[in-house]
Amino acid sequence: MSHDRPKRETMTLEEATISNMWEIAAIVELMEQKGFCTKQDLHTIIHELRRKNPRARFPEMAFPEPYLLTETENTIIDDILELLNKHGLTSHQSLNLLERLGGIIEVGQQLAKETTH
């Protein structure tokens, strides 16, 4: 038995959860693209499973519900994820970058309010 297995990069629980969420989202997207079901079908099934298993219930806002997004929003999200992956950012780096972007947008909103009042 060989002990020369390649070492895996360790991952925080948050990174593992986010990674798992994106993998599930990709599977849902693929199932919808292939015509197996709609996101609303899956949402209905998830609610039924939560009803049957109340101990496994998470707060409603724990994860975003992708079916609520518009096509434009989905396209922008896909483009952003593609760029983050293209540049090899980790989930932690991506989160920091997006938080900084949110701050820039907030500053822009404040400046816009100040110039119109």
C-alpha atoms as a PDB file:
ATOM      1  CA  MET A   1       0.000   0.000   0.000  1.00  0.00           C
ATOM      2  CA  SER A   2       1.435   3.339  -1.050  1.00  0.00           C
ATOM      3  CA  HIS A   3       1.595   6.259   1.364  1.00  0.00           C
ATOM      4  CA  ASP A   4       2.515   8.711  -1.405  1.00  0.00           C
ATOM      5  CA  ARG A   5      -0.979  10.123  -1.848  1.00  0.00           C
ATOM      6  CA  PRO A   6      -1.061  13.744  -2.930  1.00  0.00           C
ATOM      7  CA  LYS A   7      -1.857  16.043  -0.022  1.00  0.00           C
ATOM      8  CA  ARG A   8      -5.121  17.948  -0.195  1.00  0.00           C
ATOM      9  CA  GLU A   9      -5.299  21.617   0.586  1.00  0.00           C
ATOM     10  CA  THR A  10      -7.223  22.043   3.831  1.00  0.00           C
ATOM     11  CA  MET A  11     -10.505  23.856   3.724  1.00  0.00           C
ATOM     12  CA  THR A  12     -12.455  25.703   6.389  1.00  0.00           C
ATOM     13  CA  LEU A  13     -16.001  24.616   7.153  1.00  0.00           C
ATOM     14  CA  GLU A  14     -17.219  27.821   5.500  1.00  0.00           C
ATOM     15  CA  GLU A  15     -15.197  27.116   2.338  1.00  0.00           C
ATOM     16  CA  ALA A  16     -16.445  23.525   2.234  1.00  0.00           C
ATOM     17  CA  THR A  17     -20.047  24.675   2.684  1.00  0.00           C
ATOM     18  CA  ILE A  18     -19.741  27.286  -0.062  1.00  0.00           C
ATOM     19  CA  SER A  19     -18.035  24.803  -2.367  1.00  0.00           C
ATOM     20  CA  ASN A  20     -20.808  22.289  -1.719  1.00  0.00           C
ATOM     21  CA  MET A  21     -23.448  24.953  -2.370  1.00  0.00           C
ATOM     22  CA  TRP A  22     -21.910  25.850  -5.762  1.00  0.00           C
ATOM     23  CA  GLU A  23     -21.623  22.181  -6.730  1.00  0.00           C
ATOM     24  CA  ILE A  24     -25.302  21.652  -5.931  1.00  0.00           C
ATOM     25  CA  ALA A  25     -26.226  24.831  -7.831  1.00  0.00           C
ATOM     26  CA  ALA A  26     -24.287  23.520 -10.854  1.00  0.00           C
ATOM     27  CA  ILE A  27     -26.131  20.195 -10.702  1.00  0.00           C
ATOM     28  CA  VAL A  28     -29.478  22.019 -10.481  1.00  0.00           C
ATOM     29  CA  GLU A  29     -28.514  24.202 -13.466  1.00  0.00           C
ATOM     30  CA  LEU A  30     -27.529  21.142 -15.488  1.00  0.00           C
ATOM     31  CA  MET A  31     -30.739  19.299 -14.597  1.00  0.00           C
ATOM     32  CA  GLU A  32     -32.773  22.318 -15.697  1.00  0.00           C
ATOM     33  CA  GLN A  33     -30.773  22.757 -18.922  1.00  0.00           C
ATOM     34  CA  LYS A  34     -31.276  19.076 -19.778  1.00  0.00           C
ATOM     35  CA  GLY A  35     -35.006  19.444 -19.167  1.00  0.00           C
ATOM     36  CA  PHE A  36     -35.191  16.988 -16.263  1.00  0.00           C
ATOM     37  CA  CYS A  37     -36.904  19.518 -13.996  1.00  0.00           C
ATOM     38  CA  THR A  38     -37.234  23.195 -13.191  1.00  0.00           C
ATOM     39  CA  LYS A  39     -35.693  25.063 -10.271  1.00  0.00           C
ATOM     40  CA  GLN A  40     -39.224  25.531  -8.958  1.00  0.00           C
ATOM     41  CA  ASP A  41     -39.700  21.711  -9.006  1.00  0.00           C
ATOM     42  CA  LEU A  42     -36.563  21.312  -6.904  1.00  0.00           C
ATOM     43  CA  HIS A  43     -37.626  24.121  -4.576  1.00  0.00           C
ATOM     44  CA  THR A  44     -40.962  22.355  -4.023  1.00  0.00           C
ATOM     45  CA  ILE A  45     -39.190  19.055  -3.280  1.00  0.00           C
ATOM     46  CA  ILE A  46     -36.812  20.757  -0.837  1.00  0.00           C
ATOM     47  CA  HIS A  47     -39.732  22.350   1.034  1.00  0.00           C
ATOM     48  CA  GLU A  48     -41.447  18.966   1.224  1.00  0.00           C
ATOM     49  CA  LEU A  49     -38.284  17.322   2.584  1.00  0.00           C
ATOM     50  CA  ARG A  50     -37.917  20.106   5.157  1.00  0.00           C
ATOM     51  CA  ARG A  51     -41.545  19.610   6.189  1.00  0.00           C
ATOM     52  CA  LYS A  52     -40.961  15.888   6.678  1.00  0.00           C
ATOM     53  CA  ASN A  53     -37.634  16.450   8.495  1.00  0.00           C
ATOM     54  CA  PRO A  54     -38.102  19.540  10.695  1.00  0.00           C
ATOM     55  CA  ARG A  55     -34.887  18.913  12.651  1.00  0.00           C
ATOM     56  CA  ALA A  56     -32.880  19.438   9.459  1.00  0.00           C
ATOM     57  CA  ARG A  57     -34.487  22.839   8.802  1.00  0.00           C
ATOM     58  CA  PHE A  58     -32.240  25.839   8.141  1.00  0.00           C
ATOM     59  CA  PRO A  59     -33.217  29.486   8.357  1.00  0.00           C
ATOM     60  CA  GLU A  60     -34.852  30.625   5.114  1.00  0.00           C
ATOM     61  CA  MET A  61     -32.120  33.198   4.438  1.00  0.00           C
ATOM     62  CA  ALA A  62     -29.208  30.792   5.038  1.00  0.00           C
ATOM     63  CA  PHE A  63     -28.767  30.267   1.315  1.00  0.00           C
ATOM     64  CA  PRO A  64     -29.998  32.335  -1.607  1.00  0.00           C
ATOM     65  CA  GLU A  65     -32.813  30.868  -3.667  1.00  0.00           C
ATOM     66  CA  PRO A  66     -31.529  31.020  -7.250  1.00  0.00           C
ATOM     67  CA  TYR A  67     -34.942  30.783  -8.908  1.00  0.00           C
ATOM     68  CA  LEU A  68     -35.735  34.298  -7.605  1.00  0.00           C
ATOM     69  CA  LEU A  69     -32.999  35.847  -9.735  1.00  0.00           C
ATOM     70  CA  THR A  70     -33.638  37.364 -13.136  1.00  0.00           C
ATOM     71  CA  GLU A  71     -31.923  36.051 -16.250  1.00  0.00           C
ATOM     72  CA  THR A  72     -29.684  39.146 -16.290  1.00  0.00           C
ATOM     73  CA  GLU A  73     -28.680  38.582 -12.656  1.00  0.00           C
ATOM     74  CA  ASN A  74     -27.922  34.916 -13.363  1.00  0.00           C
ATOM     75  CA  THR A  75     -25.764  35.911 -16.360  1.00  0.00           C
ATOM     76  CA  ILE A  76     -23.827  38.465 -14.298  1.00  0.00           C
ATOM     77  CA  ILE A  77     -23.293  35.944 -11.489  1.00  0.00           C
ATOM     78  CA  ASP A  78     -22.065  33.338 -13.982  1.00  0.00           C
ATOM     79  CA  ASP A  79     -19.648  35.883 -15.492  1.00  0.00           C
ATOM     80  CA  ILE A  80     -18.322  36.885 -12.068  1.00  0.00           C
ATOM     81  CA  LEU A  81     -17.821  33.251 -11.034  1.00  0.00           C
ATOM     82  CA  GLU A  82     -16.032  32.536 -14.315  1.00  0.00           C
ATOM     83  CA  LEU A  83     -13.656  35.457 -13.690  1.00  0.00           C
ATOM     84  CA  LEU A  84     -12.987  34.406 -10.096  1.00  0.00           C
ATOM     85  CA  ASN A  85     -12.209  30.859 -11.232  1.00  0.00           C
ATOM     86  CA  LYS A  86     -10.140  32.072 -14.204  1.00  0.00           C
ATOM     87  CA  HIS A  87      -7.882  34.029 -11.858  1.00  0.00           C
ATOM     88  CA  GLY A  88      -7.651  31.159  -9.368  1.00  0.00           C
ATOM     89  CA  LEU A  89      -9.091  32.990  -6.384  1.00  0.00           C
ATOM     90  CA  THR A  90      -9.969  30.881  -3.365  1.00  0.00           C
ATOM     91  CA  SER A  91     -13.446  31.205  -1.869  1.00  0.00           C
ATOM     92  CA  HIS A  92     -11.967  33.351   0.922  1.00  0.00           C
ATOM     93  CA  GLN A  93     -10.223  35.665  -1.554  1.00  0.00           C
ATOM     94  CA  SER A  94     -13.386  35.846  -3.657  1.00  0.00           C
ATOM     95  CA  LEU A  95     -15.482  36.751  -0.631  1.00  0.00           C
ATOM     96  CA  ASN A  96     -13.032  39.496   0.388  1.00  0.00           C
ATOM     97  CA  LEU A  97     -13.004  40.890  -3.142  1.00  0.00           C
ATOM     98  CA  LEU A  98     -16.800  40.927  -3.365  1.00  0.00           C
ATOM     99  CA  GLU A  99     -17.075  42.585   0.058  1.00  0.00           C
ATOM    100  CA  ARG A 100     -14.671  45.305  -1.121  1.00  0.00           C
ATOM    101  CA  LEU A 101     -16.753  45.719  -4.281  1.00  0.00           C
ATOM    102  CA  GLY A 102     -19.865  46.089  -2.120  1.00  0.00           C
ATOM    103  CA  GLY A 103     -18.090  48.858  -0.192  1.00  0.00           C
ATOM    104  CA  ILE A 104     -17.214  50.643  -3.421  1.00  0.00           C
ATOM    105  CA  ILE A 105     -20.838  50.449  -4.559  1.00  0.00           C
ATOM    106  CA  GLU A 106     -22.028  51.835  -1.203  1.00  0.00           C
ATOM    107  CA  VAL A 107     -19.611  54.775  -1.500  1.00  0.00           C
ATOM    108  CA  GLY A 108     -20.935  55.407  -5.017  1.00  0.00           C
ATOM    109  CA  GLN A 109     -24.499  55.413  -3.689  1.00  0.00           C
ATOM    110  CA  GLN A 110     -23.574  57.883  -0.955  1.00  0.00           C
ATOM    111  CA  LEU A 111     -21.849  60.180  -3.448  1.00  0.00           C
ATOM    112  CA  ALA A 112     -24.862  60.023  -5.762  1.00  0.00           C
ATOM    113  CA  LYS A 113     -27.186  60.983  -2.890  1.00  0.00           C
ATOM    114  CA  GLU A 114     -24.957  63.907  -1.900  1.00  0.00           C
ATOM    115  CA  THR A 115     -24.856  65.319  -5.434  1.00  0.00           C
ATOM    116  CA  THR A 116     -28.630  65.134  -5.914  1.00  0.00           C
ATOM    117  CA  HIS A 117     -29.598  66.750  -2.602  1.00  0.00           C
END
